Amino acid sequence: MGRRFSRAILGISIAAVVSLGATRAVGQTPSAAGRAWSPSRTPDGQPDMQGFWAKEAGTPPYYENLEEGSEAKHTVMADNVLRRGSAIVDPPDGKVPYQPWAAAVKQERFKNIHDPNPEVRDPVSTHCFLAGVPRIQYDVAPPTFQILQVPGSVVLLFERQHAYRVIPLDGRPHAPANMKLWMGDSRGRWEGNTLVVDVTNHNEKPWLDWAGNFHSDALYVVERWTLVSPDKIAYEATIEDRKAYSRPWKIALAYARNKQGGYEQMEDAVTRVSRRMPPGMLLARKSFFLKIAGSTR
């Protein structure tokens, strides 16, 4: 805990610029906003998204429940205000359009939560596996991530779990279909000021939130990252899964640039919890992570 992410891996220096905050993207569509403003460019011509980013202030805790912002079993208060609101902008009812069998599985998971992604909510059942895409993009604190741009690629570095995403822009094919990955396989391209990312090759293990929303290994995600101003990115993800969903659906949120002077991204390594740990140790671990989570918000 507390060590810097290694920057030598990418061979470039990182400018520390960022401030916490984030709300759901509304108003202009990313494509319309992208046409209305012209960002600076990297030396190889990419719209320059580099820096530290976090969800805009006031964003509901979608990691708890994509459909409601927070779930009945675990309400979250901020300044004595219950934070709610679906991340899902299509369909209009804000619900995941499950096929009947999948809806039943989701309800069973909700009743018997055993989330494979690490959360302070359920430390005993923590496995510390990666969150997957798109969940990594709205997951629990610490919320800041870094965008780096090198010739031919966009790289995302996360504070949590040493997670990262490398998004090639050179048109290379995806990995073979039988290669299933926790974070999927990303390929990107620029459409104006919008970075469009196709994410394939998912395994079926990550959950989408604490409420048991899930996908199969047929998941296909198309992300749209649009610079709408120097300090704001509108994010959309269209989610398809022919095995589990009756139709594609879409989530939307926004990121604000962290402009805190001298900001340093820190590691939240996360370690697996053993059910054989003494109860006192489990309680101490839970108290520690609740304290850390509170101090980072």
C-alpha atoms as a PDB file:
ATOM      1  CA  MET A   1       0.000   0.000   0.000  1.00  0.00           C
ATOM      2  CA  GLY A   2       1.172   3.524  -0.669  1.00  0.00           C
ATOM      3  CA  ARG A   3       3.820   2.938  -3.293  1.00  0.00           C
ATOM      4  CA  ARG A   4       3.758   4.739  -6.576  1.00  0.00           C
ATOM      5  CA  PHE A   5       2.645   3.000  -9.724  1.00  0.00           C
ATOM      6  CA  SER A   6       5.720   2.205 -11.779  1.00  0.00           C
ATOM      7  CA  ARG A   7       6.056   4.726 -14.542  1.00  0.00           C
ATOM      8  CA  ALA A   8       9.244   3.233 -15.948  1.00  0.00           C
ATOM      9  CA  ILE A   9       7.193   0.468 -17.592  1.00  0.00           C
ATOM     10  CA  LEU A  10       5.810   2.912 -20.112  1.00  0.00           C
ATOM     11  CA  GLY A  11       8.969   4.982 -20.391  1.00  0.00           C
ATOM     12  CA  ILE A  12       7.208   8.310 -20.115  1.00  0.00           C
ATOM     13  CA  SER A  13       6.862  10.920 -17.399  1.00  0.00           C
ATOM     14  CA  ILE A  14       3.468  11.592 -15.887  1.00  0.00           C
ATOM     15  CA  ALA A  15       2.116  15.063 -15.203  1.00  0.00           C
ATOM     16  CA  ALA A  16       0.148  15.237 -11.963  1.00  0.00           C
ATOM     17  CA  VAL A  17      -3.049  17.138 -12.663  1.00  0.00           C
ATOM     18  CA  VAL A  18      -6.460  16.194 -11.252  1.00  0.00           C
ATOM     19  CA  SER A  19      -9.339  16.874  -8.707  1.00  0.00           C
ATOM     20  CA  LEU A  20     -11.973  14.451  -7.446  1.00  0.00           C
ATOM     21  CA  GLY A  21     -15.498  14.762  -8.672  1.00  0.00           C
ATOM     22  CA  ALA A  22     -18.127  13.353 -11.203  1.00  0.00           C
ATOM     23  CA  THR A  23     -22.191  13.369 -12.326  1.00  0.00           C
ATOM     24  CA  ARG A  24     -23.874  11.379 -14.921  1.00  0.00           C
ATOM     25  CA  ALA A  25     -23.532  12.698 -18.472  1.00  0.00           C
ATOM     26  CA  VAL A  26     -26.593  14.590 -19.581  1.00  0.00           C
ATOM     27  CA  GLY A  27     -27.488  17.149 -22.211  1.00  0.00           C
ATOM     28  CA  GLN A  28     -25.334  16.937 -25.304  1.00  0.00           C
ATOM     29  CA  THR A  29     -24.572  13.572 -26.778  1.00  0.00           C
ATOM     30  CA  PRO A  30     -20.843  12.756 -26.878  1.00  0.00           C
ATOM     31  CA  SER A  31     -20.733  13.057 -30.668  1.00  0.00           C
ATOM     32  CA  ALA A  32     -22.429  16.468 -30.635  1.00  0.00           C
ATOM     33  CA  ALA A  33     -20.232  17.726 -27.831  1.00  0.00           C
ATOM     34  CA  GLY A  34     -17.125  16.436 -29.586  1.00  0.00           C
ATOM     35  CA  ARG A  35     -17.905  18.519 -32.657  1.00  0.00           C
ATOM     36  CA  ALA A  36     -18.452  21.660 -30.578  1.00  0.00           C
ATOM     37  CA  TRP A  37     -15.001  21.796 -28.981  1.00  0.00           C
ATOM     38  CA  SER A  38     -11.515  21.132 -30.299  1.00  0.00           C
ATOM     39  CA  PRO A  39      -9.057  19.610 -27.797  1.00  0.00           C
ATOM     40  CA  SER A  40      -5.284  19.784 -27.841  1.00  0.00           C
ATOM     41  CA  ARG A  41      -3.487  16.890 -29.531  1.00  0.00           C
ATOM     42  CA  THR A  42      -0.711  14.503 -28.664  1.00  0.00           C
ATOM     43  CA  PRO A  43       2.357  14.462 -30.970  1.00  0.00           C
ATOM     44  CA  ASP A  44       0.862  11.555 -32.946  1.00  0.00           C
ATOM     45  CA  GLY A  45      -2.475  13.382 -33.405  1.00  0.00           C
ATOM     46  CA  GLN A  46      -4.694  11.805 -30.737  1.00  0.00           C
ATOM     47  CA  PRO A  47      -7.063  14.122 -28.831  1.00  0.00           C
ATOM     48  CA  ASP A  48      -5.167  14.605 -25.580  1.00  0.00           C
ATOM     49  CA  MET A  49      -6.993  12.883 -22.685  1.00  0.00           C
ATOM     50  CA  GLN A  50      -3.897  12.402 -20.560  1.00  0.00           C
ATOM     51  CA  GLY A  51      -4.107  13.008 -16.832  1.00  0.00           C
ATOM     52  CA  PHE A  52      -5.907  11.803 -13.735  1.00  0.00           C
ATOM     53  CA  TRP A  53      -9.685  11.386 -13.806  1.00  0.00           C
ATOM     54  CA  ALA A  54     -12.480  10.428 -11.414  1.00  0.00           C
ATOM     55  CA  LYS A  55     -16.248  10.123 -11.515  1.00  0.00           C
ATOM     56  CA  GLU A  56     -17.925  13.510 -11.234  1.00  0.00           C
ATOM     57  CA  ALA A  57     -19.045  14.578  -7.755  1.00  0.00           C
ATOM     58  CA  GLY A  58     -22.536  13.331  -6.948  1.00  0.00           C
ATOM     59  CA  THR A  59     -22.342  10.195  -9.073  1.00  0.00           C
ATOM     60  CA  PRO A  60     -24.505   7.508  -7.428  1.00  0.00           C
ATOM     61  CA  PRO A  61     -22.672   4.368  -6.250  1.00  0.00           C
ATOM     62  CA  TYR A  62     -23.306   2.329  -9.379  1.00  0.00           C
ATOM     63  CA  TYR A  63     -20.926  -0.352  -8.100  1.00  0.00           C
ATOM     64  CA  GLU A  64     -23.666  -1.181  -5.577  1.00  0.00           C
ATOM     65  CA  ASN A  65     -26.528  -1.383  -8.049  1.00  0.00           C
ATOM     66  CA  LEU A  66     -26.464  -0.208 -11.663  1.00  0.00           C
ATOM     67  CA  GLU A  67     -30.250  -0.065 -11.718  1.00  0.00           C
ATOM     68  CA  GLU A  68     -30.800   2.025  -8.591  1.00  0.00           C
ATOM     69  CA  GLY A  69     -27.531   3.640  -7.597  1.00  0.00           C
ATOM     70  CA  SER A  70     -27.692   1.817  -4.270  1.00  0.00           C
ATOM     71  CA  GLU A  71     -29.416  -1.343  -3.181  1.00  0.00           C
ATOM     72  CA  ALA A  72     -31.954  -2.060  -0.455  1.00  0.00           C
ATOM     73  CA  LYS A  73     -29.531  -4.253   1.470  1.00  0.00           C
ATOM     74  CA  HIS A  74     -26.795  -1.629   1.609  1.00  0.00           C
ATOM     75  CA  THR A  75     -27.957   1.978   1.452  1.00  0.00           C
ATOM     76  CA  VAL A  76     -25.262   4.608   1.089  1.00  0.00           C
ATOM     77  CA  MET A  77     -25.598   8.077   2.564  1.00  0.00           C
ATOM     78  CA  ALA A  78     -23.684  11.177   1.487  1.00  0.00           C
ATOM     79  CA  ASP A  79     -24.277  14.314   3.575  1.00  0.00           C
ATOM     80  CA  ASN A  80     -27.446  12.572   4.848  1.00  0.00           C
ATOM     81  CA  VAL A  81     -28.780  12.267   1.295  1.00  0.00           C
ATOM     82  CA  LEU A  82     -29.459   8.808  -0.094  1.00  0.00           C
ATOM     83  CA  ARG A  83     -27.740   8.548  -3.457  1.00  0.00           C
ATOM     84  CA  ARG A  84     -29.848   6.796  -6.070  1.00  0.00           C
ATOM     85  CA  GLY A  85     -30.395   6.815  -9.805  1.00  0.00           C
ATOM     86  CA  SER A  86     -29.805   4.227 -12.507  1.00  0.00           C
ATOM     87  CA  ALA A  87     -26.657   4.314 -14.630  1.00  0.00           C
ATOM     88  CA  ILE A  88     -28.724   2.741 -17.403  1.00  0.00           C
ATOM     89  CA  VAL A  89     -29.936   5.276 -19.976  1.00  0.00           C
ATOM     90  CA  ASP A  90     -31.356   2.709 -22.404  1.00  0.00           C
ATOM     91  CA  PRO A  91     -33.824   1.058 -21.942  1.00  0.00           C
ATOM     92  CA  PRO A  92     -35.739   3.998 -20.448  1.00  0.00           C
ATOM     93  CA  ASP A  93     -36.864   2.051 -17.383  1.00  0.00           C
ATOM     94  CA  GLY A  94     -33.245   1.836 -16.225  1.00  0.00           C
ATOM     95  CA  LYS A  95     -33.309  -1.956 -15.880  1.00  0.00           C
ATOM     96  CA  VAL A  96     -31.020  -4.637 -17.295  1.00  0.00           C
ATOM     97  CA  PRO A  97     -33.061  -6.432 -20.006  1.00  0.00           C
ATOM     98  CA  TYR A  98     -32.453 -10.003 -18.866  1.00  0.00           C
ATOM     99  CA  GLN A  99     -33.721 -13.112 -20.540  1.00  0.00           C
ATOM    100  CA  PRO A 100     -36.020 -14.981 -18.087  1.00  0.00           C
ATOM    101  CA  TRP A 101     -33.416 -17.540 -16.993  1.00  0.00           C
ATOM    102  CA  ALA A 102     -30.852 -14.814 -16.379  1.00  0.00           C
ATOM    103  CA  ALA A 103     -33.300 -12.688 -14.359  1.00  0.00           C
ATOM    104  CA  ALA A 104     -33.803 -15.658 -12.039  1.00  0.00           C
ATOM    105  CA  VAL A 105     -30.033 -16.086 -11.629  1.00  0.00           C
ATOM    106  CA  LYS A 106     -29.639 -12.392 -10.833  1.00  0.00           C
ATOM    107  CA  GLN A 107     -32.266 -12.592  -8.092  1.00  0.00           C
ATOM    108  CA  GLU A 108     -30.600 -15.651  -6.592  1.00  0.00           C
ATOM    109  CA  ARG A 109     -27.249 -13.882  -6.556  1.00  0.00           C
ATOM    110  CA  PHE A 110     -28.820 -10.838  -4.905  1.00  0.00           C
ATOM    111  CA  LYS A 111     -30.173 -13.007  -2.090  1.00  0.00           C
ATOM    112  CA  ASN A 112     -26.920 -14.930  -1.627  1.00  0.00           C
ATOM    113  CA  ILE A 113     -24.259 -12.355  -2.399  1.00  0.00           C
ATOM    114  CA  HIS A 114     -20.782 -13.725  -2.948  1.00  0.00           C
ATOM    115  CA  ASP A 115     -19.287 -11.018  -5.146  1.00  0.00           C
ATOM    116  CA  PRO A 116     -15.948 -12.091  -6.687  1.00  0.00           C
ATOM    117  CA  ASN A 117     -14.710  -8.496  -6.741  1.00  0.00           C
ATOM    118  CA  PRO A 118     -13.228  -7.122  -3.496  1.00  0.00           C
ATOM    119  CA  GLU A 119     -15.465  -4.722  -1.555  1.00  0.00           C
ATOM    120  CA  VAL A 120     -15.600  -3.578   2.057  1.00  0.00           C
ATOM    121  CA  ARG A 121     -19.252  -4.644   2.044  1.00  0.00           C
ATOM    122  CA  ASP A 122     -18.529  -8.350   2.360  1.00  0.00           C
ATOM    123  CA  PRO A 123     -14.915  -8.879   3.496  1.00  0.00           C
ATOM    124  CA  VAL A 124     -15.379 -12.539   4.371  1.00  0.00           C
ATOM    125  CA  SER A 125     -16.285 -13.540   0.812  1.00  0.00           C
ATOM    126  CA  THR A 126     -13.653 -11.358  -0.838  1.00  0.00           C
ATOM    127  CA  HIS A 127     -11.698 -13.037  -3.622  1.00  0.00           C
ATOM    128  CA  CYS A 128      -9.891  -9.965  -4.959  1.00  0.00           C
ATOM    129  CA  PHE A 129     -10.443 -10.769  -8.621  1.00  0.00           C
ATOM    130  CA  LEU A 130     -10.472  -8.048 -11.253  1.00  0.00           C
ATOM    131  CA  ALA A 131     -13.678  -6.051 -11.750  1.00  0.00           C
ATOM    132  CA  GLY A 132     -13.961  -6.492 -15.530  1.00  0.00           C
ATOM    133  CA  VAL A 133     -15.259  -4.042 -18.117  1.00  0.00           C
ATOM    134  CA  PRO A 134     -17.341  -1.952 -17.749  1.00  0.00           C
ATOM    135  CA  ARG A 135     -17.432  -2.303 -13.932  1.00  0.00           C
ATOM    136  CA  ILE A 136     -13.814  -1.153 -13.526  1.00  0.00           C
ATOM    137  CA  GLN A 137     -14.965   2.225 -14.878  1.00  0.00           C
ATOM    138  CA  TYR A 138     -17.469   2.898 -12.072  1.00  0.00           C
ATOM    139  CA  ASP A 139     -16.190   0.737  -9.258  1.00  0.00           C
ATOM    140  CA  VAL A 140     -15.792   1.587  -5.570  1.00  0.00           C
ATOM    141  CA  ALA A 141     -13.115   3.885  -4.074  1.00  0.00           C
ATOM    142  CA  PRO A 142     -10.322   4.730  -4.535  1.00  0.00           C
ATOM    143  CA  PRO A 143     -11.880   6.326  -7.581  1.00  0.00           C
ATOM    144  CA  THR A 144      -9.034   7.978  -9.479  1.00  0.00           C
ATOM    145  CA  PHE A 145      -7.475   6.457 -12.574  1.00  0.00           C
ATOM    146  CA  GLN A 146      -4.869   7.727 -14.997  1.00  0.00           C
ATOM    147  CA  ILE A 147      -4.986   7.965 -18.780  1.00  0.00           C
ATOM    148  CA  LEU A 148      -1.695   7.748 -20.668  1.00  0.00           C
ATOM    149  CA  GLN A 149      -1.330   8.041 -24.430  1.00  0.00           C
ATOM    150  CA  VAL A 150       1.644   6.584 -26.255  1.00  0.00           C
ATOM    151  CA  PRO A 151       2.005   6.195 -30.022  1.00  0.00           C
ATOM    152  CA  GLY A 152      -0.543   3.626 -31.142  1.00  0.00           C
ATOM    153  CA  SER A 153      -2.179   3.003 -27.752  1.00  0.00           C
ATOM    154  CA  VAL A 154      -4.203   4.431 -24.892  1.00  0.00           C
ATOM    155  CA  VAL A 155      -3.321   3.075 -21.437  1.00  0.00           C
ATOM    156  CA  LEU A 156      -5.502   3.219 -18.313  1.00  0.00           C
ATOM    157  CA  LEU A 157      -3.903   2.746 -14.884  1.00  0.00           C
ATOM    158  CA  PHE A 158      -6.116   2.152 -11.840  1.00  0.00           C
ATOM    159  CA  GLU A 159      -5.261   2.558  -8.174  1.00  0.00           C
ATOM    160  CA  ARG A 160      -7.167  -0.595  -7.304  1.00  0.00           C
ATOM    161  CA  GLN A 161      -5.681  -4.100  -7.585  1.00  0.00           C
ATOM    162  CA  HIS A 162      -2.806  -2.987  -9.860  1.00  0.00           C
ATOM    163  CA  ALA A 163      -5.402  -3.045 -12.640  1.00  0.00           C
ATOM    164  CA  TYR A 164      -4.645  -1.616 -16.059  1.00  0.00           C
ATOM    165  CA  ARG A 165      -6.027  -1.567 -19.577  1.00  0.00           C
ATOM    166  CA  VAL A 166      -3.940  -1.288 -22.736  1.00  0.00           C
ATOM    167  CA  ILE A 167      -6.049  -0.236 -25.739  1.00  0.00           C
ATOM    168  CA  PRO A 168      -4.218  -0.647 -29.074  1.00  0.00           C
ATOM    169  CA  LEU A 169      -5.234   1.757 -31.846  1.00  0.00           C
ATOM    170  CA  ASP A 170      -3.386   0.102 -34.733  1.00  0.00           C
ATOM    171  CA  GLY A 171      -6.229  -2.058 -36.049  1.00  0.00           C
ATOM    172  CA  ARG A 172      -4.789  -5.372 -34.876  1.00  0.00           C
ATOM    173  CA  PRO A 173      -7.346  -8.212 -34.520  1.00  0.00           C
ATOM    174  CA  HIS A 174      -8.739  -9.314 -31.193  1.00  0.00           C
ATOM    175  CA  ALA A 175      -7.289 -12.298 -29.371  1.00  0.00           C
ATOM    176  CA  PRO A 176      -8.650 -15.727 -30.386  1.00  0.00           C
ATOM    177  CA  ALA A 177     -12.272 -16.188 -29.329  1.00  0.00           C
ATOM    178  CA  ASN A 178     -11.427 -19.037 -26.949  1.00  0.00           C
ATOM    179  CA  MET A 179      -9.115 -16.793 -24.904  1.00  0.00           C
ATOM    180  CA  LYS A 180     -11.359 -15.499 -22.105  1.00  0.00           C
ATOM    181  CA  LEU A 181     -10.044 -12.707 -19.887  1.00  0.00           C
ATOM    182  CA  TRP A 182     -11.178 -10.988 -16.673  1.00  0.00           C
ATOM    183  CA  MET A 183     -10.744  -7.542 -18.257  1.00  0.00           C
ATOM    184  CA  GLY A 184     -11.660  -8.563 -21.782  1.00  0.00           C
ATOM    185  CA  ASP A 185      -9.647  -7.650 -24.884  1.00  0.00           C
ATOM    186  CA  SER A 186      -9.831  -3.995 -25.945  1.00  0.00           C
ATOM    187  CA  ARG A 187      -9.282  -2.432 -29.386  1.00  0.00           C
ATOM    188  CA  GLY A 188      -9.734   1.277 -29.983  1.00  0.00           C
ATOM    189  CA  ARG A 189     -10.156   3.854 -32.720  1.00  0.00           C
ATOM    190  CA  TRP A 190     -10.792   7.588 -32.817  1.00  0.00           C
ATOM    191  CA  GLU A 191     -13.980   9.072 -34.242  1.00  0.00           C
ATOM    192  CA  GLY A 192     -13.351  12.815 -33.960  1.00  0.00           C
ATOM    193  CA  ASN A 193     -12.886  13.587 -30.255  1.00  0.00           C
ATOM    194  CA  THR A 194     -14.394  10.234 -29.255  1.00  0.00           C
ATOM    195  CA  LEU A 195     -12.325   7.172 -28.421  1.00  0.00           C
ATOM    196  CA  VAL A 196     -14.406   4.132 -29.421  1.00  0.00           C
ATOM    197  CA  VAL A 197     -13.322   0.892 -27.750  1.00  0.00           C
ATOM    198  CA  ASP A 198     -14.559  -2.597 -28.661  1.00  0.00           C
ATOM    199  CA  VAL A 199     -14.122  -4.988 -25.726  1.00  0.00           C
ATOM    200  CA  THR A 200     -14.440  -8.724 -26.415  1.00  0.00           C
ATOM    201  CA  ASN A 201     -13.133 -12.020 -24.966  1.00  0.00           C
ATOM    202  CA  HIS A 202     -14.721 -11.636 -21.524  1.00  0.00           C
ATOM    203  CA  ASN A 203     -15.034 -14.505 -19.116  1.00  0.00           C
ATOM    204  CA  GLU A 204     -18.322 -14.903 -17.223  1.00  0.00           C
ATOM    205  CA  LYS A 205     -16.911 -14.419 -13.717  1.00  0.00           C
ATOM    206  CA  PRO A 206     -17.053 -10.662 -12.919  1.00  0.00           C
ATOM    207  CA  TRP A 207     -20.262  -9.220 -11.566  1.00  0.00           C
ATOM    208  CA  LEU A 208     -21.515  -5.819 -12.723  1.00  0.00           C
ATOM    209  CA  ASP A 209     -22.325  -4.633  -9.179  1.00  0.00           C
ATOM    210  CA  TRP A 210     -22.959  -5.787  -5.613  1.00  0.00           C
ATOM    211  CA  ALA A 211     -26.622  -6.472  -6.396  1.00  0.00           C
ATOM    212  CA  GLY A 212     -25.803  -9.542  -8.483  1.00  0.00           C
ATOM    213  CA  ASN A 213     -26.185  -8.096 -11.993  1.00  0.00           C
ATOM    214  CA  PHE A 214     -24.063 -10.198 -14.292  1.00  0.00           C
ATOM    215  CA  HIS A 215     -23.129 -11.247 -17.821  1.00  0.00           C
ATOM    216  CA  SER A 216     -22.026 -14.413 -19.603  1.00  0.00           C
ATOM    217  CA  ASP A 217     -18.867 -15.044 -21.594  1.00  0.00           C
ATOM    218  CA  ALA A 218     -20.719 -13.740 -24.667  1.00  0.00           C
ATOM    219  CA  LEU A 219     -20.458 -10.165 -23.359  1.00  0.00           C
ATOM    220  CA  TYR A 220     -19.555  -7.514 -25.936  1.00  0.00           C
ATOM    221  CA  VAL A 221     -18.990  -3.923 -24.816  1.00  0.00           C
ATOM    222  CA  VAL A 222     -18.576  -0.826 -26.992  1.00  0.00           C
ATOM    223  CA  GLU A 223     -17.290   2.162 -25.009  1.00  0.00           C
ATOM    224  CA  ARG A 224     -17.349   5.768 -26.179  1.00  0.00           C
ATOM    225  CA  TRP A 225     -14.981   8.157 -24.396  1.00  0.00           C
ATOM    226  CA  THR A 226     -15.620  11.745 -25.503  1.00  0.00           C
ATOM    227  CA  LEU A 227     -13.694  14.840 -24.450  1.00  0.00           C
ATOM    228  CA  VAL A 228     -16.444  17.435 -24.095  1.00  0.00           C
ATOM    229  CA  SER A 229     -14.216  20.070 -22.445  1.00  0.00           C
ATOM    230  CA  PRO A 230     -10.633  20.265 -21.148  1.00  0.00           C
ATOM    231  CA  ASP A 231     -11.757  18.862 -17.791  1.00  0.00           C
ATOM    232  CA  LYS A 232     -14.644  16.519 -18.612  1.00  0.00           C
ATOM    233  CA  ILE A 233     -15.042  13.164 -20.364  1.00  0.00           C
ATOM    234  CA  ALA A 234     -18.485  11.785 -21.223  1.00  0.00           C
ATOM    235  CA  TYR A 235     -18.468   7.993 -20.993  1.00  0.00           C
ATOM    236  CA  GLU A 236     -20.994   5.620 -22.568  1.00  0.00           C
ATOM    237  CA  ALA A 237     -20.946   1.849 -22.803  1.00  0.00           C
ATOM    238  CA  THR A 238     -23.295  -0.217 -24.955  1.00  0.00           C
ATOM    239  CA  ILE A 239     -23.570  -3.724 -23.541  1.00  0.00           C
ATOM    240  CA  GLU A 240     -24.626  -6.812 -25.477  1.00  0.00           C
ATOM    241  CA  ASP A 241     -24.821 -10.460 -24.448  1.00  0.00           C
ATOM    242  CA  ARG A 242     -26.808 -12.822 -26.656  1.00  0.00           C
ATOM    243  CA  LYS A 243     -26.830 -15.487 -23.929  1.00  0.00           C
ATOM    244  CA  ALA A 244     -28.085 -13.382 -21.007  1.00  0.00           C
ATOM    245  CA  TYR A 245     -29.860 -10.259 -22.319  1.00  0.00           C
ATOM    246  CA  SER A 246     -32.903  -9.795 -24.530  1.00  0.00           C
ATOM    247  CA  ARG A 247     -31.472  -6.674 -26.180  1.00  0.00           C
ATOM    248  CA  PRO A 248     -28.443  -4.347 -26.009  1.00  0.00           C
ATOM    249  CA  TRP A 249     -28.482  -1.743 -23.232  1.00  0.00           C
ATOM    250  CA  LYS A 250     -26.469   1.335 -22.391  1.00  0.00           C
ATOM    251  CA  ILE A 251     -24.940   3.065 -19.369  1.00  0.00           C
ATOM    252  CA  ALA A 252     -23.636   6.633 -19.151  1.00  0.00           C
ATOM    253  CA  LEU A 253     -21.641   8.675 -16.664  1.00  0.00           C
ATOM    254  CA  ALA A 254     -18.970  11.363 -16.747  1.00  0.00           C
ATOM    255  CA  TYR A 255     -15.448  11.920 -15.446  1.00  0.00           C
ATOM    256  CA  ALA A 256     -13.888  15.127 -14.130  1.00  0.00           C
ATOM    257  CA  ARG A 257     -10.197  15.897 -14.335  1.00  0.00           C
ATOM    258  CA  ASN A 258      -8.360  15.767 -11.035  1.00  0.00           C
ATOM    259  CA  LYS A 259      -6.491  19.076 -10.903  1.00  0.00           C
ATOM    260  CA  GLN A 260      -5.170  18.683  -7.380  1.00  0.00           C
ATOM    261  CA  GLY A 261      -1.612  19.992  -7.401  1.00  0.00           C
ATOM    262  CA  GLY A 262       1.031  17.378  -6.747  1.00  0.00           C
ATOM    263  CA  TYR A 263      -1.486  14.538  -6.865  1.00  0.00           C
ATOM    264  CA  GLU A 264       0.129  11.119  -6.596  1.00  0.00           C
ATOM    265  CA  GLN A 265      -1.735   7.966  -7.586  1.00  0.00           C
ATOM    266  CA  MET A 266      -1.347   5.322  -4.886  1.00  0.00           C
ATOM    267  CA  GLU A 267      -1.730   1.561  -4.926  1.00  0.00           C
ATOM    268  CA  ASP A 268      -4.749  -0.089  -3.341  1.00  0.00           C
ATOM    269  CA  ALA A 269      -3.286  -3.548  -3.728  1.00  0.00           C
ATOM    270  CA  VAL A 270      -6.135  -5.521  -2.071  1.00  0.00           C
ATOM    271  CA  THR A 271      -5.384  -8.945  -0.663  1.00  0.00           C
ATOM    272  CA  ARG A 272      -7.459 -12.086  -0.578  1.00  0.00           C
ATOM    273  CA  VAL A 273      -9.259 -12.847   2.684  1.00  0.00           C
ATOM    274  CA  SER A 274      -9.142 -16.375   4.003  1.00  0.00           C
ATOM    275  CA  ARG A 275     -12.250 -17.781   5.692  1.00  0.00           C
ATOM    276  CA  ARG A 276      -9.849 -19.431   8.119  1.00  0.00           C
ATOM    277  CA  MET A 277      -8.705 -16.060   9.491  1.00  0.00           C
ATOM    278  CA  PRO A 278      -9.627 -15.528  13.171  1.00  0.00           C
ATOM    279  CA  PRO A 279     -12.821 -13.445  13.649  1.00  0.00           C
ATOM    280  CA  GLY A 280     -10.849 -10.687  15.374  1.00  0.00           C
ATOM    281  CA  MET A 281      -8.541 -10.349  12.386  1.00  0.00           C
ATOM    282  CA  LEU A 282     -11.485 -10.226   9.991  1.00  0.00           C
ATOM    283  CA  LEU A 283     -13.110  -7.497  12.080  1.00  0.00           C
ATOM    284  CA  ALA A 284      -9.868  -5.528  12.187  1.00  0.00           C
ATOM    285  CA  ARG A 285      -9.497  -5.849   8.409  1.00  0.00           C
ATOM    286  CA  LYS A 286     -13.084  -4.697   7.837  1.00  0.00           C
ATOM    287  CA  SER A 287     -12.586  -1.684  10.142  1.00  0.00           C
ATOM    288  CA  PHE A 288      -9.350  -0.792   8.373  1.00  0.00           C
ATOM    289  CA  PHE A 289     -10.873  -0.839   4.902  1.00  0.00           C
ATOM    290  CA  LEU A 290     -13.971   1.059   6.024  1.00  0.00           C
ATOM    291  CA  LYS A 291     -11.637   3.729   7.421  1.00  0.00           C
ATOM    292  CA  ILE A 292      -9.634   3.830   4.187  1.00  0.00           C
ATOM    293  CA  ALA A 293     -12.793   4.008   2.061  1.00  0.00           C
ATOM    294  CA  GLY A 294     -14.091   6.880   4.154  1.00  0.00           C
ATOM    295  CA  SER A 295     -10.830   8.814   3.910  1.00  0.00           C
ATOM    296  CA  THR A 296     -10.721   8.614   0.106  1.00  0.00           C
ATOM    297  CA  ARG A 297     -14.184  10.024  -0.536  1.00  0.00           C
END
